[in-house]
N, C-alpha and C. Protein backbone atom coordinates (compact mmCIF):
# COMPACT_ATOMS: atom_id res chain seq x y z
N MET A 1 102.50 81.08 43.72
CA MET A 1 101.34 81.84 43.38
C MET A 1 101.02 81.64 41.90
N TYR A 2 99.75 81.75 41.56
CA TYR A 2 99.31 81.38 40.22
C TYR A 2 98.47 82.48 39.56
N ILE A 3 98.62 82.60 38.27
CA ILE A 3 97.76 83.42 37.45
C ILE A 3 97.05 82.49 36.49
N TYR A 4 95.76 82.70 36.36
CA TYR A 4 94.98 81.88 35.45
C TYR A 4 94.25 82.76 34.44
N ILE A 5 94.01 82.18 33.30
CA ILE A 5 93.22 82.83 32.26
C ILE A 5 92.13 81.84 31.88
N PHE A 6 90.88 82.27 31.99
CA PHE A 6 89.84 81.40 31.47
C PHE A 6 88.81 82.17 30.68
N LYS A 7 88.12 81.42 29.84
CA LYS A 7 87.15 81.99 28.93
C LYS A 7 85.75 81.64 29.40
N SER A 8 84.86 82.61 29.31
CA SER A 8 83.47 82.39 29.63
C SER A 8 82.63 83.19 28.66
N PHE A 9 81.38 83.42 29.02
CA PHE A 9 80.48 84.13 28.13
C PHE A 9 79.82 85.28 28.87
N GLY A 10 79.77 86.43 28.21
CA GLY A 10 79.13 87.60 28.77
C GLY A 10 77.75 87.78 28.16
N GLU A 11 77.32 89.02 28.14
CA GLU A 11 76.01 89.34 27.56
C GLU A 11 75.97 88.92 26.11
N ASN A 12 74.81 88.49 25.68
CA ASN A 12 74.60 88.07 24.29
C ASN A 12 75.53 86.93 23.88
N GLN A 13 76.00 86.15 24.86
CA GLN A 13 76.87 85.01 24.61
C GLN A 13 78.20 85.38 23.96
N THR A 14 78.67 86.61 24.16
CA THR A 14 79.98 86.99 23.65
C THR A 14 81.05 86.40 24.57
N GLU A 15 82.14 85.94 23.98
CA GLU A 15 83.23 85.36 24.76
C GLU A 15 83.98 86.46 25.50
N ILE A 16 84.31 86.20 26.76
CA ILE A 16 85.10 87.12 27.58
C ILE A 16 86.16 86.31 28.31
N LEU A 17 87.23 86.99 28.72
CA LEU A 17 88.34 86.34 29.40
C LEU A 17 88.51 86.91 30.80
N LYS A 18 88.83 86.04 31.73
CA LYS A 18 89.15 86.46 33.10
C LYS A 18 90.64 86.24 33.32
N PHE A 19 91.29 87.28 33.83
CA PHE A 19 92.71 87.23 34.16
C PHE A 19 92.78 87.37 35.67
N GLY A 20 93.09 86.28 36.36
CA GLY A 20 93.03 86.29 37.81
C GLY A 20 94.23 85.68 38.49
N PHE A 21 94.29 85.86 39.79
CA PHE A 21 95.39 85.40 40.63
C PHE A 21 94.83 84.55 41.77
N SER A 22 95.59 83.55 42.18
CA SER A 22 95.22 82.77 43.35
C SER A 22 96.44 82.07 43.93
N SER A 23 96.46 81.93 45.23
CA SER A 23 97.52 81.13 45.86
C SER A 23 97.10 79.67 45.94
N LYS A 24 95.80 79.41 45.84
CA LYS A 24 95.26 78.04 45.85
C LYS A 24 94.46 77.85 44.57
N VAL A 25 95.19 77.64 43.50
CA VAL A 25 94.59 77.66 42.16
C VAL A 25 93.54 76.57 41.96
N ASP A 26 93.74 75.39 42.51
CA ASP A 26 92.77 74.31 42.27
C ASP A 26 91.41 74.64 42.88
N SER A 27 91.38 75.14 44.12
CA SER A 27 90.09 75.47 44.74
C SER A 27 89.47 76.72 44.11
N ARG A 28 90.29 77.67 43.70
CA ARG A 28 89.78 78.89 43.06
C ARG A 28 89.12 78.56 41.72
N LEU A 29 89.78 77.75 40.91
CA LEU A 29 89.22 77.41 39.62
C LEU A 29 88.01 76.50 39.75
N SER A 30 88.03 75.62 40.72
CA SER A 30 86.88 74.76 40.97
C SER A 30 85.67 75.60 41.33
N SER A 31 85.88 76.63 42.13
CA SER A 31 84.80 77.53 42.52
C SER A 31 84.25 78.27 41.30
N HIS A 32 85.13 78.77 40.46
CA HIS A 32 84.68 79.45 39.24
C HIS A 32 83.87 78.52 38.35
N LEU A 33 84.37 77.31 38.16
CA LEU A 33 83.70 76.38 37.25
C LEU A 33 82.37 75.88 37.80
N SER A 34 82.25 75.79 39.12
CA SER A 34 80.97 75.35 39.67
C SER A 34 79.88 76.40 39.51
N SER A 35 80.27 77.68 39.53
CA SER A 35 79.28 78.74 39.35
C SER A 35 79.17 79.18 37.88
N ASN A 36 80.06 78.70 37.06
CA ASN A 36 80.10 79.10 35.66
C ASN A 36 80.49 77.88 34.82
N PRO A 37 79.58 76.93 34.66
CA PRO A 37 79.94 75.65 34.04
C PRO A 37 80.35 75.74 32.57
N LEU A 38 80.09 76.84 31.91
CA LEU A 38 80.50 76.97 30.51
C LEU A 38 81.90 77.55 30.37
N ALA A 39 82.51 77.91 31.49
CA ALA A 39 83.87 78.46 31.46
C ALA A 39 84.86 77.38 31.01
N LYS A 40 85.90 77.83 30.36
CA LYS A 40 86.96 76.92 29.91
C LYS A 40 88.30 77.49 30.36
N ILE A 41 89.06 76.71 31.08
CA ILE A 41 90.37 77.13 31.54
C ILE A 41 91.32 77.09 30.35
N LEU A 42 92.01 78.20 30.12
CA LEU A 42 92.93 78.27 28.99
C LEU A 42 94.38 78.12 29.40
N TYR A 43 94.79 78.86 30.44
CA TYR A 43 96.19 78.83 30.86
C TYR A 43 96.28 78.98 32.37
N ILE A 44 97.31 78.37 32.92
CA ILE A 44 97.69 78.58 34.32
C ILE A 44 99.19 78.79 34.33
N TYR A 45 99.61 79.85 35.01
CA TYR A 45 101.02 80.20 35.11
C TYR A 45 101.43 80.23 36.57
N TYR A 46 102.71 79.95 36.81
CA TYR A 46 103.26 80.06 38.15
C TYR A 46 104.34 81.14 38.17
N ASN A 47 104.29 81.99 39.19
CA ASN A 47 105.35 82.96 39.44
C ASN A 47 105.21 83.40 40.90
N LYS A 48 106.33 83.50 41.59
CA LYS A 48 106.26 83.88 43.01
C LYS A 48 105.69 85.27 43.20
N ASP A 49 105.75 86.12 42.17
CA ASP A 49 105.21 87.47 42.24
C ASP A 49 103.88 87.61 41.50
N ALA A 50 103.11 86.53 41.45
CA ALA A 50 101.87 86.51 40.66
C ALA A 50 100.88 87.59 41.08
N GLN A 51 100.76 87.85 42.36
CA GLN A 51 99.79 88.86 42.81
C GLN A 51 100.16 90.25 42.27
N LYS A 52 101.42 90.60 42.32
CA LYS A 52 101.88 91.88 41.79
C LYS A 52 101.71 91.91 40.27
N MET A 53 102.02 90.82 39.62
CA MET A 53 101.89 90.76 38.16
C MET A 53 100.44 90.95 37.74
N GLU A 54 99.53 90.29 38.45
CA GLU A 54 98.12 90.43 38.13
C GLU A 54 97.70 91.89 38.29
N SER A 55 98.12 92.51 39.36
CA SER A 55 97.79 93.91 39.62
C SER A 55 98.36 94.81 38.51
N ASP A 56 99.58 94.55 38.08
CA ASP A 56 100.20 95.34 37.00
C ASP A 56 99.40 95.19 35.71
N PHE A 57 98.98 93.98 35.40
CA PHE A 57 98.21 93.77 34.17
C PHE A 57 96.91 94.57 34.23
N HIS A 58 96.20 94.48 35.33
CA HIS A 58 94.93 95.19 35.46
C HIS A 58 95.11 96.70 35.39
N ARG A 59 96.20 97.19 35.97
CA ARG A 59 96.46 98.62 35.99
C ARG A 59 96.71 99.17 34.57
N HIS A 60 97.28 98.34 33.70
CA HIS A 60 97.65 98.81 32.35
C HIS A 60 96.70 98.35 31.25
N ASN A 61 95.62 97.67 31.61
CA ASN A 61 94.66 97.18 30.62
C ASN A 61 93.24 97.47 31.09
N THR A 62 92.41 97.87 30.18
CA THR A 62 91.04 98.23 30.51
C THR A 62 90.12 97.02 30.41
N ALA A 63 89.50 96.69 31.52
CA ALA A 63 88.55 95.57 31.56
C ALA A 63 87.22 96.01 30.94
N ILE A 64 86.47 95.04 30.41
CA ILE A 64 85.17 95.37 29.84
C ILE A 64 84.05 95.09 30.83
N PHE A 65 84.37 94.35 31.91
CA PHE A 65 83.38 94.06 32.94
C PHE A 65 84.12 93.88 34.26
N GLY A 66 83.70 94.58 35.29
CA GLY A 66 84.39 94.49 36.57
C GLY A 66 85.85 94.91 36.40
N ASP A 67 86.71 94.31 37.18
CA ASP A 67 88.14 94.63 37.11
C ASP A 67 88.98 93.56 36.45
N GLU A 68 88.39 92.38 36.17
CA GLU A 68 89.21 91.26 35.72
C GLU A 68 88.71 90.60 34.44
N TRP A 69 87.67 91.12 33.82
CA TRP A 69 87.09 90.50 32.62
C TRP A 69 87.42 91.33 31.39
N TYR A 70 87.94 90.66 30.38
CA TYR A 70 88.46 91.34 29.19
C TYR A 70 87.85 90.76 27.92
N ASP A 71 87.90 91.57 26.88
CA ASP A 71 87.50 91.12 25.56
C ASP A 71 88.38 89.94 25.14
N VAL A 72 87.81 89.00 24.45
CA VAL A 72 88.54 87.80 24.04
C VAL A 72 89.75 88.14 23.16
N ASN A 73 89.71 89.29 22.51
CA ASN A 73 90.85 89.70 21.68
C ASN A 73 92.08 90.07 22.50
N LYS A 74 91.95 90.13 23.81
CA LYS A 74 93.08 90.43 24.70
C LYS A 74 93.93 89.20 25.01
N LEU A 75 93.52 88.03 24.55
CA LEU A 75 94.22 86.80 24.92
C LEU A 75 95.70 86.86 24.57
N GLN A 76 96.04 87.26 23.37
CA GLN A 76 97.45 87.29 22.99
C GLN A 76 98.22 88.30 23.83
N ASP A 77 97.59 89.42 24.19
CA ASP A 77 98.24 90.39 25.08
C ASP A 77 98.53 89.76 26.44
N MET A 78 97.59 88.97 26.94
CA MET A 78 97.77 88.29 28.22
C MET A 78 98.93 87.31 28.15
N ILE A 79 98.96 86.51 27.09
CA ILE A 79 100.04 85.52 26.91
C ILE A 79 101.38 86.23 26.79
N ASN A 80 101.43 87.28 25.99
CA ASN A 80 102.68 88.04 25.82
C ASN A 80 103.14 88.63 27.15
N PHE A 81 102.22 89.17 27.93
CA PHE A 81 102.55 89.74 29.24
C PHE A 81 103.18 88.67 30.13
N MET A 82 102.61 87.49 30.14
CA MET A 82 103.13 86.42 30.99
C MET A 82 104.50 85.95 30.49
N ASN A 83 104.68 85.86 29.19
CA ASN A 83 105.96 85.43 28.64
C ASN A 83 107.07 86.43 28.91
N VAL A 84 106.77 87.72 28.79
CA VAL A 84 107.75 88.77 29.05
C VAL A 84 108.19 88.72 30.51
N LYS A 85 107.27 88.41 31.39
CA LYS A 85 107.57 88.39 32.82
C LYS A 85 108.31 87.12 33.24
N GLY A 86 108.55 86.21 32.33
CA GLY A 86 109.33 85.01 32.63
C GLY A 86 108.64 84.02 33.53
N THR A 87 107.34 83.86 33.37
CA THR A 87 106.61 82.92 34.21
C THR A 87 106.69 81.52 33.64
N LYS A 88 106.36 80.57 34.47
CA LYS A 88 106.31 79.17 34.04
C LYS A 88 104.86 78.81 33.72
N CYS A 89 104.62 78.42 32.48
CA CYS A 89 103.28 77.99 32.09
C CYS A 89 103.11 76.53 32.53
N LEU A 90 102.20 76.31 33.47
CA LEU A 90 101.96 74.95 33.94
C LEU A 90 101.10 74.17 32.96
N PHE A 91 100.14 74.84 32.40
CA PHE A 91 99.24 74.19 31.45
C PHE A 91 98.77 75.15 30.38
N ASP A 92 98.69 74.63 29.19
CA ASP A 92 98.03 75.30 28.07
C ASP A 92 96.78 74.47 27.84
N PHE A 93 95.65 74.98 28.29
CA PHE A 93 94.42 74.21 28.29
C PHE A 93 93.61 74.36 27.01
N ASN A 94 94.23 74.05 25.90
CA ASN A 94 93.49 74.01 24.65
C ASN A 94 92.96 72.59 24.47
N LEU A 95 92.48 72.03 25.56
CA LEU A 95 91.96 70.67 25.60
C LEU A 95 90.47 70.73 25.89
N GLU A 96 89.78 69.68 25.55
CA GLU A 96 88.34 69.63 25.80
C GLU A 96 88.04 69.24 27.25
N GLN A 97 88.90 68.49 27.87
CA GLN A 97 88.66 68.00 29.23
C GLN A 97 89.66 68.62 30.19
N PHE A 98 89.22 68.90 31.39
CA PHE A 98 90.09 69.42 32.43
C PHE A 98 90.03 68.48 33.63
N ASN A 99 91.16 68.10 34.14
CA ASN A 99 91.22 67.15 35.23
C ASN A 99 91.93 67.80 36.43
N PHE A 100 91.16 68.11 37.49
CA PHE A 100 91.76 68.75 38.65
C PHE A 100 92.79 67.85 39.33
N ASN A 101 92.62 66.55 39.27
CA ASN A 101 93.61 65.66 39.88
C ASN A 101 94.96 65.83 39.20
N GLN A 102 94.95 66.01 37.89
CA GLN A 102 96.19 66.23 37.16
C GLN A 102 96.81 67.56 37.58
N LEU A 103 96.00 68.60 37.73
CA LEU A 103 96.49 69.90 38.16
C LEU A 103 97.11 69.80 39.55
N LYS A 104 96.45 69.13 40.46
CA LYS A 104 96.98 69.01 41.82
C LYS A 104 98.34 68.33 41.82
N TYR A 105 98.52 67.35 40.95
CA TYR A 105 99.82 66.66 40.86
C TYR A 105 100.89 67.63 40.36
N ILE A 106 100.58 68.38 39.32
CA ILE A 106 101.54 69.31 38.73
C ILE A 106 101.88 70.43 39.71
N VAL A 107 100.87 70.99 40.37
CA VAL A 107 101.08 72.10 41.30
C VAL A 107 101.97 71.68 42.44
N LYS A 108 101.82 70.47 42.92
CA LYS A 108 102.62 70.00 44.06
C LYS A 108 104.01 69.58 43.67
N SER A 109 104.26 69.32 42.40
CA SER A 109 105.58 68.83 42.00
C SER A 109 106.55 69.96 41.74
C-alpha cells in the first residue's frame, strides 16, 4: 500500500498539498495528473499499513480543503510523520520530470 504527497494549486494559485493513499499508486497518480496537469508528485512511500496511516494523519491534522488538502507549510510535518512511522520512501520527487514506467519498475521490485 502506498501514501503519496503531491503539490498542486488552490485558489489564487496558492500551493497546496495532497496527502493520499492508494493500493494502485501508478493508476491513482496518473488519474490525478490527467485532471490536474500542474500537479507535481513530491513523495511516494510504501507501508503495509498505509491506509491506517493516512487515516491517522488526517485525524490529527486540519485540512484546508476537503479532507486531504493541506497548506504547503505542512510538508515537513508530512515527511516527519512518514519517517516516524518507519515507512520506505520509494521516491523523493524533487525532479522536473516524472516517469511512470520507472515507478512501475520500482513498485514491482
